[in-house]
Amino acid sequence: MTTNNPPLAKGWKPSPLMVRILTAFVFLGVVIGLVLAGIYGVYLLVLILGGLALYEFNGLSDLMGSRAPAWLLYPLGIFFAFSGTVLKEVDVTLVLALALVGGLGAFLFLPGRRQGLSRWAMGLAGALYVGMPFNFYLLLYTSKPNGLVWTLFTILAAVASDAAALLVGSRIGRHPFFAAISPKKTLEGAIAGVIGSVLVMLIGVSAVLGLNPLHAIALGVLVGTSAEVGDLVESQMKRLAEVKDSSHLIPGHGGVLDRLDSILFPPILVYLYVMVFHLL
């Protein structure tokens, strides 16, 4: 007796949506696991995410016309990421001076000296773009007594902004928002993103930390706005590089920078705000 039913496993492969969901769970699990492991787990997380983001920026810089020199991009990026914590005893001015003299001087001897200045500038820009946000996340995280809460709600507010902007923009968005950079973005989505961020900050800053709701609203506006700026900045880099994703490191999601773009800038503004108003 024979059957015409093919083996279930033959030719089966997961749908793009399933790949996206599974990858998101794995990625989230790794992040949560390292955060719960304590400060050294967080340092390791910064090294992994920062290193991958620098790797992607290096590739994008090449496509944008001036490849960032790896010997400048990676050391500076890692230094900036830990400049306020592990490497806080190292003078930032000294490091920048060495990067200026040594970096530009090196291109007097290295091949491609005609692009030396632009490549040096791209390396410095990439190191700042990736490294400084991680620095401010670490400054928030290591702040006592509520560093973890501040870090968590800064990320959640940025994610909520991204999700609200996508949901509202795709459903009722009518007016383009920076269409030359990202054609699918809408003004309605941008406004919804800021509102979503404010709602999360009201929970985190007012309900959990017990601070004045006015601070929560101000921080929500700062996070929502900077999250959208970060998204647009990375979109502009990809448009200049003429690519859809920063890489294909994360199945179903694109690259690490594609996932981090909206959460890179918020910690900088949050940390500066809480320091000015003595909220830490």
Protein backbone atom coordinates (compact mmCIF):
# COMPACT_ATOMS: atom_id res chain seq x y z
CA MET A 1 0.00 0.00 0.00
CA THR A 2 1.43 3.40 -0.98
CA THR A 3 0.59 6.95 -0.03
CA ASN A 4 0.87 10.22 -1.89
CA ASN A 5 1.39 12.29 1.24
CA PRO A 6 4.89 13.83 1.20
CA PRO A 7 6.97 13.76 4.37
CA LEU A 8 6.01 16.65 6.60
CA ALA A 9 9.57 17.79 7.06
CA LYS A 10 10.47 17.74 3.39
CA GLY A 11 10.67 21.20 1.90
CA TRP A 12 9.31 22.89 5.04
CA LYS A 13 10.80 26.13 6.15
CA PRO A 14 9.58 28.72 8.65
CA SER A 15 7.75 31.79 7.41
CA PRO A 16 9.50 35.18 7.56
CA LEU A 17 7.16 36.21 10.37
CA MET A 18 8.03 33.10 12.39
CA VAL A 19 11.75 33.69 11.85
CA ARG A 20 11.32 37.31 12.95
CA ILE A 21 9.42 36.31 16.12
CA LEU A 22 11.81 33.50 17.08
CA THR A 23 14.85 35.69 16.51
CA ALA A 24 13.30 38.45 18.61
CA PHE A 25 12.73 36.02 21.51
CA VAL A 26 16.28 34.69 21.32
CA PHE A 27 17.73 38.20 21.12
CA LEU A 28 15.57 39.38 24.04
CA GLY A 29 16.48 36.32 26.07
CA VAL A 30 20.21 36.94 25.63
CA VAL A 31 19.84 40.61 26.56
CA ILE A 32 17.75 39.87 29.68
CA GLY A 33 20.10 37.07 30.73
CA LEU A 34 23.18 39.26 30.53
CA VAL A 35 21.47 42.15 32.34
CA LEU A 36 20.36 39.84 35.17
CA ALA A 37 23.92 38.51 35.42
CA GLY A 38 24.96 41.84 36.90
CA ILE A 39 27.39 44.55 35.95
CA TYR A 40 29.85 42.24 34.19
CA GLY A 41 27.02 40.79 32.15
CA VAL A 42 26.06 44.32 31.13
CA TYR A 43 29.67 45.10 30.20
CA LEU A 44 29.73 41.97 28.04
CA LEU A 45 26.43 42.98 26.43
CA VAL A 46 27.88 46.39 25.57
CA LEU A 47 30.97 44.77 24.06
CA ILE A 48 28.85 42.41 21.93
CA LEU A 49 26.25 44.92 20.72
CA GLY A 50 28.78 47.73 20.40
CA GLY A 51 31.22 45.57 18.47
CA LEU A 52 28.55 44.37 16.06
CA ALA A 53 27.22 47.91 15.59
CA LEU A 54 30.73 49.19 14.83
CA TYR A 55 31.20 46.33 12.36
CA GLU A 56 28.00 47.33 10.55
CA PHE A 57 28.91 51.00 10.55
CA ASN A 58 32.25 50.09 9.02
CA GLY A 59 30.46 48.37 6.15
CA LEU A 60 28.00 51.25 5.69
CA SER A 61 30.81 53.81 5.68
CA ASP A 62 32.43 52.01 2.75
CA LEU A 63 29.17 52.17 0.80
CA MET A 64 28.77 55.84 1.75
CA GLY A 65 32.07 56.65 0.05
CA SER A 66 34.64 56.85 2.85
CA ARG A 67 35.43 53.62 4.64
CA ALA A 68 36.16 54.22 8.32
CA PRO A 69 39.61 52.85 9.23
CA ALA A 70 39.08 49.86 11.53
CA TRP A 71 42.21 50.67 13.53
CA LEU A 72 40.59 53.98 14.52
CA LEU A 73 36.88 53.05 14.58
CA TYR A 74 36.98 50.04 16.92
CA PRO A 75 39.37 51.26 19.64
CA LEU A 76 37.74 54.70 19.80
CA GLY A 77 34.24 53.23 19.77
CA ILE A 78 34.99 50.88 22.65
CA PHE A 79 36.77 53.65 24.55
CA PHE A 80 33.81 56.01 24.21
CA ALA A 81 31.41 53.25 25.33
CA PHE A 82 33.30 52.77 28.62
CA SER A 83 34.69 56.30 29.01
CA GLY A 84 32.35 57.16 31.88
CA THR A 85 32.69 53.92 33.82
CA VAL A 86 35.48 51.35 33.39
CA LEU A 87 37.80 53.79 31.59
CA LYS A 88 36.78 56.96 33.41
CA GLU A 89 40.34 57.48 34.69
CA VAL A 90 41.58 57.83 31.12
CA ASP A 91 41.52 61.46 30.00
CA VAL A 92 39.12 61.88 27.06
CA THR A 93 40.99 64.98 25.88
CA LEU A 94 44.21 62.98 25.67
CA VAL A 95 42.55 60.21 23.68
CA LEU A 96 41.02 62.70 21.24
CA ALA A 97 44.36 64.47 20.86
CA LEU A 98 46.08 61.18 20.04
CA ALA A 99 43.29 60.31 17.60
CA LEU A 100 43.75 63.70 15.93
CA VAL A 101 47.53 63.67 15.60
CA GLY A 102 48.05 59.93 15.19
CA GLY A 103 44.97 59.35 13.04
CA LEU A 104 45.57 62.10 10.52
CA GLY A 105 49.33 61.60 10.61
CA ALA A 106 48.93 57.91 9.75
CA PHE A 107 47.32 58.80 6.43
CA LEU A 108 50.53 60.50 5.35
CA PHE A 109 51.96 57.00 4.98
CA LEU A 110 48.97 54.69 4.46
CA PRO A 111 47.51 53.89 1.03
CA GLY A 112 44.53 56.01 0.00
CA ARG A 113 45.92 59.23 1.49
CA ARG A 114 43.74 61.33 -0.83
CA GLN A 115 40.76 60.14 1.19
CA GLY A 116 42.63 60.34 4.47
CA LEU A 117 40.70 63.24 5.99
CA SER A 118 37.26 61.92 5.05
CA ARG A 119 38.12 58.40 6.27
CA TRP A 120 39.48 59.76 9.55
CA ALA A 121 36.32 61.85 10.02
CA MET A 122 34.14 58.82 9.27
CA GLY A 123 36.02 56.75 11.82
CA LEU A 124 35.60 59.40 14.51
CA ALA A 125 31.92 59.89 13.64
CA GLY A 126 31.22 56.15 13.81
CA ALA A 127 33.00 55.80 17.16
CA LEU A 128 30.93 58.63 18.62
CA TYR A 129 27.69 57.45 17.02
CA VAL A 130 27.96 53.96 18.51
CA GLY A 131 30.12 54.46 21.57
CA MET A 132 28.62 57.49 23.30
CA PRO A 133 25.05 56.12 23.62
CA PHE A 134 26.40 52.99 25.33
CA ASN A 135 28.43 55.24 27.62
CA PHE A 136 25.28 57.03 28.77
CA TYR A 137 23.39 53.76 29.19
CA LEU A 138 26.18 52.57 31.48
CA LEU A 139 26.13 55.87 33.38
CA LEU A 140 22.38 55.46 33.92
CA TYR A 141 22.67 51.78 34.82
CA THR A 142 25.42 52.32 37.40
CA SER A 143 23.65 55.27 39.05
CA LYS A 144 22.41 54.59 42.57
CA PRO A 145 19.85 53.70 43.75
CA ASN A 146 17.54 53.43 40.72
CA GLY A 147 19.91 53.00 37.80
CA LEU A 148 18.27 49.83 36.51
CA VAL A 149 14.82 51.46 36.56
CA TRP A 150 16.03 54.51 34.64
CA THR A 151 17.78 52.34 32.07
CA LEU A 152 14.82 50.00 31.65
CA PHE A 153 12.22 52.72 31.17
CA THR A 154 14.44 54.71 28.82
CA ILE A 155 14.64 51.66 26.56
CA LEU A 156 10.94 50.81 26.98
CA ALA A 157 9.91 54.39 26.16
CA ALA A 158 12.03 54.36 23.00
CA VAL A 159 10.60 50.99 21.96
CA ALA A 160 7.05 52.21 22.68
CA SER A 161 7.72 55.28 20.56
CA ASP A 162 8.92 53.11 17.68
CA ALA A 163 5.96 50.74 17.96
CA ALA A 164 3.34 53.48 18.27
CA ALA A 165 4.78 55.39 15.32
CA LEU A 166 4.71 52.25 13.16
CA LEU A 167 1.20 51.22 14.21
CA VAL A 168 -0.48 54.61 13.87
CA GLY A 169 1.52 55.64 10.83
CA SER A 170 0.62 52.47 8.93
CA ARG A 171 -3.07 52.71 9.86
CA ILE A 172 -4.02 56.37 9.68
CA GLY A 173 -0.86 58.15 8.54
CA ARG A 174 -1.55 60.63 5.74
CA HIS A 175 1.07 63.37 5.92
CA PRO A 176 4.66 62.46 4.97
CA PHE A 177 7.39 63.03 7.54
CA PHE A 178 10.94 63.37 6.13
CA ALA A 179 9.78 61.53 3.01
CA ALA A 180 13.13 62.07 1.26
CA ILE A 181 14.84 59.98 3.94
CA SER A 182 12.13 57.49 4.89
CA PRO A 183 9.09 57.49 2.55
CA LYS A 184 6.89 55.39 4.88
CA LYS A 185 7.14 57.70 7.88
CA THR A 186 4.22 60.03 8.59
CA LEU A 187 3.57 63.02 10.82
CA GLU A 188 0.72 61.15 12.52
CA GLY A 189 3.08 58.31 13.34
CA ALA A 190 5.70 60.69 14.71
CA ILE A 191 3.16 62.33 17.03
CA ALA A 192 1.91 58.93 18.19
CA GLY A 193 5.48 57.91 18.89
CA VAL A 194 6.03 60.84 21.24
CA ILE A 195 2.70 60.16 22.99
CA GLY A 196 3.63 56.50 23.45
CA SER A 197 6.95 57.49 24.96
CA VAL A 198 5.27 59.95 27.34
CA LEU A 199 2.84 57.25 28.56
CA VAL A 200 5.69 54.86 29.35
CA MET A 201 7.64 57.57 31.16
CA LEU A 202 4.55 58.48 33.21
CA ILE A 203 4.51 54.88 34.43
CA GLY A 204 8.23 54.66 35.06
CA VAL A 205 9.06 58.13 36.37
CA SER A 206 5.83 58.97 38.21
CA ALA A 207 4.28 55.64 39.22
CA VAL A 208 7.46 53.65 39.90
CA LEU A 209 9.93 56.33 40.99
CA GLY A 210 7.33 58.70 42.44
CA LEU A 211 8.63 61.84 40.73
CA ASN A 212 6.65 64.83 39.49
CA PRO A 213 4.55 63.95 36.39
CA LEU A 214 5.90 67.08 34.68
CA HIS A 215 9.34 65.47 34.67
CA ALA A 216 7.82 62.33 33.18
CA ILE A 217 6.14 64.30 30.40
CA ALA A 218 9.32 66.25 29.62
CA LEU A 219 11.40 63.07 29.57
CA GLY A 220 8.81 61.31 27.42
CA VAL A 221 8.96 64.11 24.85
CA LEU A 222 12.77 64.01 24.88
CA VAL A 223 12.88 60.22 24.49
CA GLY A 224 10.17 60.10 21.80
CA THR A 225 11.76 62.90 19.78
CA SER A 226 15.32 61.58 20.05
CA ALA A 227 14.16 58.05 19.21
CA GLU A 228 12.65 59.31 15.96
CA VAL A 229 15.76 61.37 15.20
CA GLY A 230 17.89 58.27 15.72
CA ASP A 231 15.67 56.26 13.40
CA LEU A 232 15.92 58.94 10.71
CA VAL A 233 19.69 59.27 11.07
CA GLU A 234 20.21 55.56 10.46
CA SER A 235 17.69 55.61 7.59
CA GLN A 236 19.67 58.43 6.01
CA MET A 237 22.91 56.46 6.29
CA LYS A 238 21.29 53.44 4.63
CA ARG A 239 19.88 55.64 1.89
CA LEU A 240 23.32 57.10 1.23
CA ALA A 241 24.74 53.59 1.20
CA GLU A 242 21.84 52.44 -1.02
CA VAL A 243 20.98 49.43 1.16
CA LYS A 244 17.78 48.31 2.85
CA ASP A 245 19.35 46.96 6.05
CA SER A 246 22.58 47.73 7.90
CA SER A 247 23.46 44.01 7.60
CA HIS A 248 21.85 40.56 7.77
CA LEU A 249 23.22 39.56 11.17
CA ILE A 250 19.76 39.12 12.75
CA PRO A 251 17.49 36.81 10.71
CA GLY A 252 14.21 38.50 9.90
CA HIS A 253 15.30 41.82 11.39
CA GLY A 254 18.27 43.01 9.34
CA GLY A 255 21.21 44.30 11.31
CA VAL A 256 22.01 45.29 14.87
CA LEU A 257 21.89 48.99 13.98
CA ASP A 258 18.42 48.45 12.50
CA ARG A 259 17.29 47.34 15.95
CA LEU A 260 19.29 49.87 17.94
CA ASP A 261 18.74 53.01 15.85
CA SER A 262 15.83 54.40 17.87
CA ILE A 263 17.35 53.64 21.28
CA LEU A 264 20.81 55.15 20.70
CA PHE A 265 20.09 58.83 21.35
CA PRO A 266 17.51 58.75 24.24
CA PRO A 267 19.93 57.82 27.07
CA ILE A 268 22.06 60.89 26.32
CA LEU A 269 19.14 63.30 26.80
CA VAL A 270 17.70 61.36 29.74
CA TYR A 271 21.00 61.37 31.62
CA LEU A 272 21.62 65.08 30.98
CA TYR A 273 18.06 65.90 32.07
CA VAL A 274 18.18 63.93 35.31
CA MET A 275 21.58 65.38 36.15
CA VAL A 276 20.41 68.97 35.58
CA PHE A 277 17.33 68.46 37.77
CA HIS A 278 19.12 66.22 40.30
CA LEU A 279 16.69 63.33 39.82
CA LEU A 280 19.17 60.45 40.18
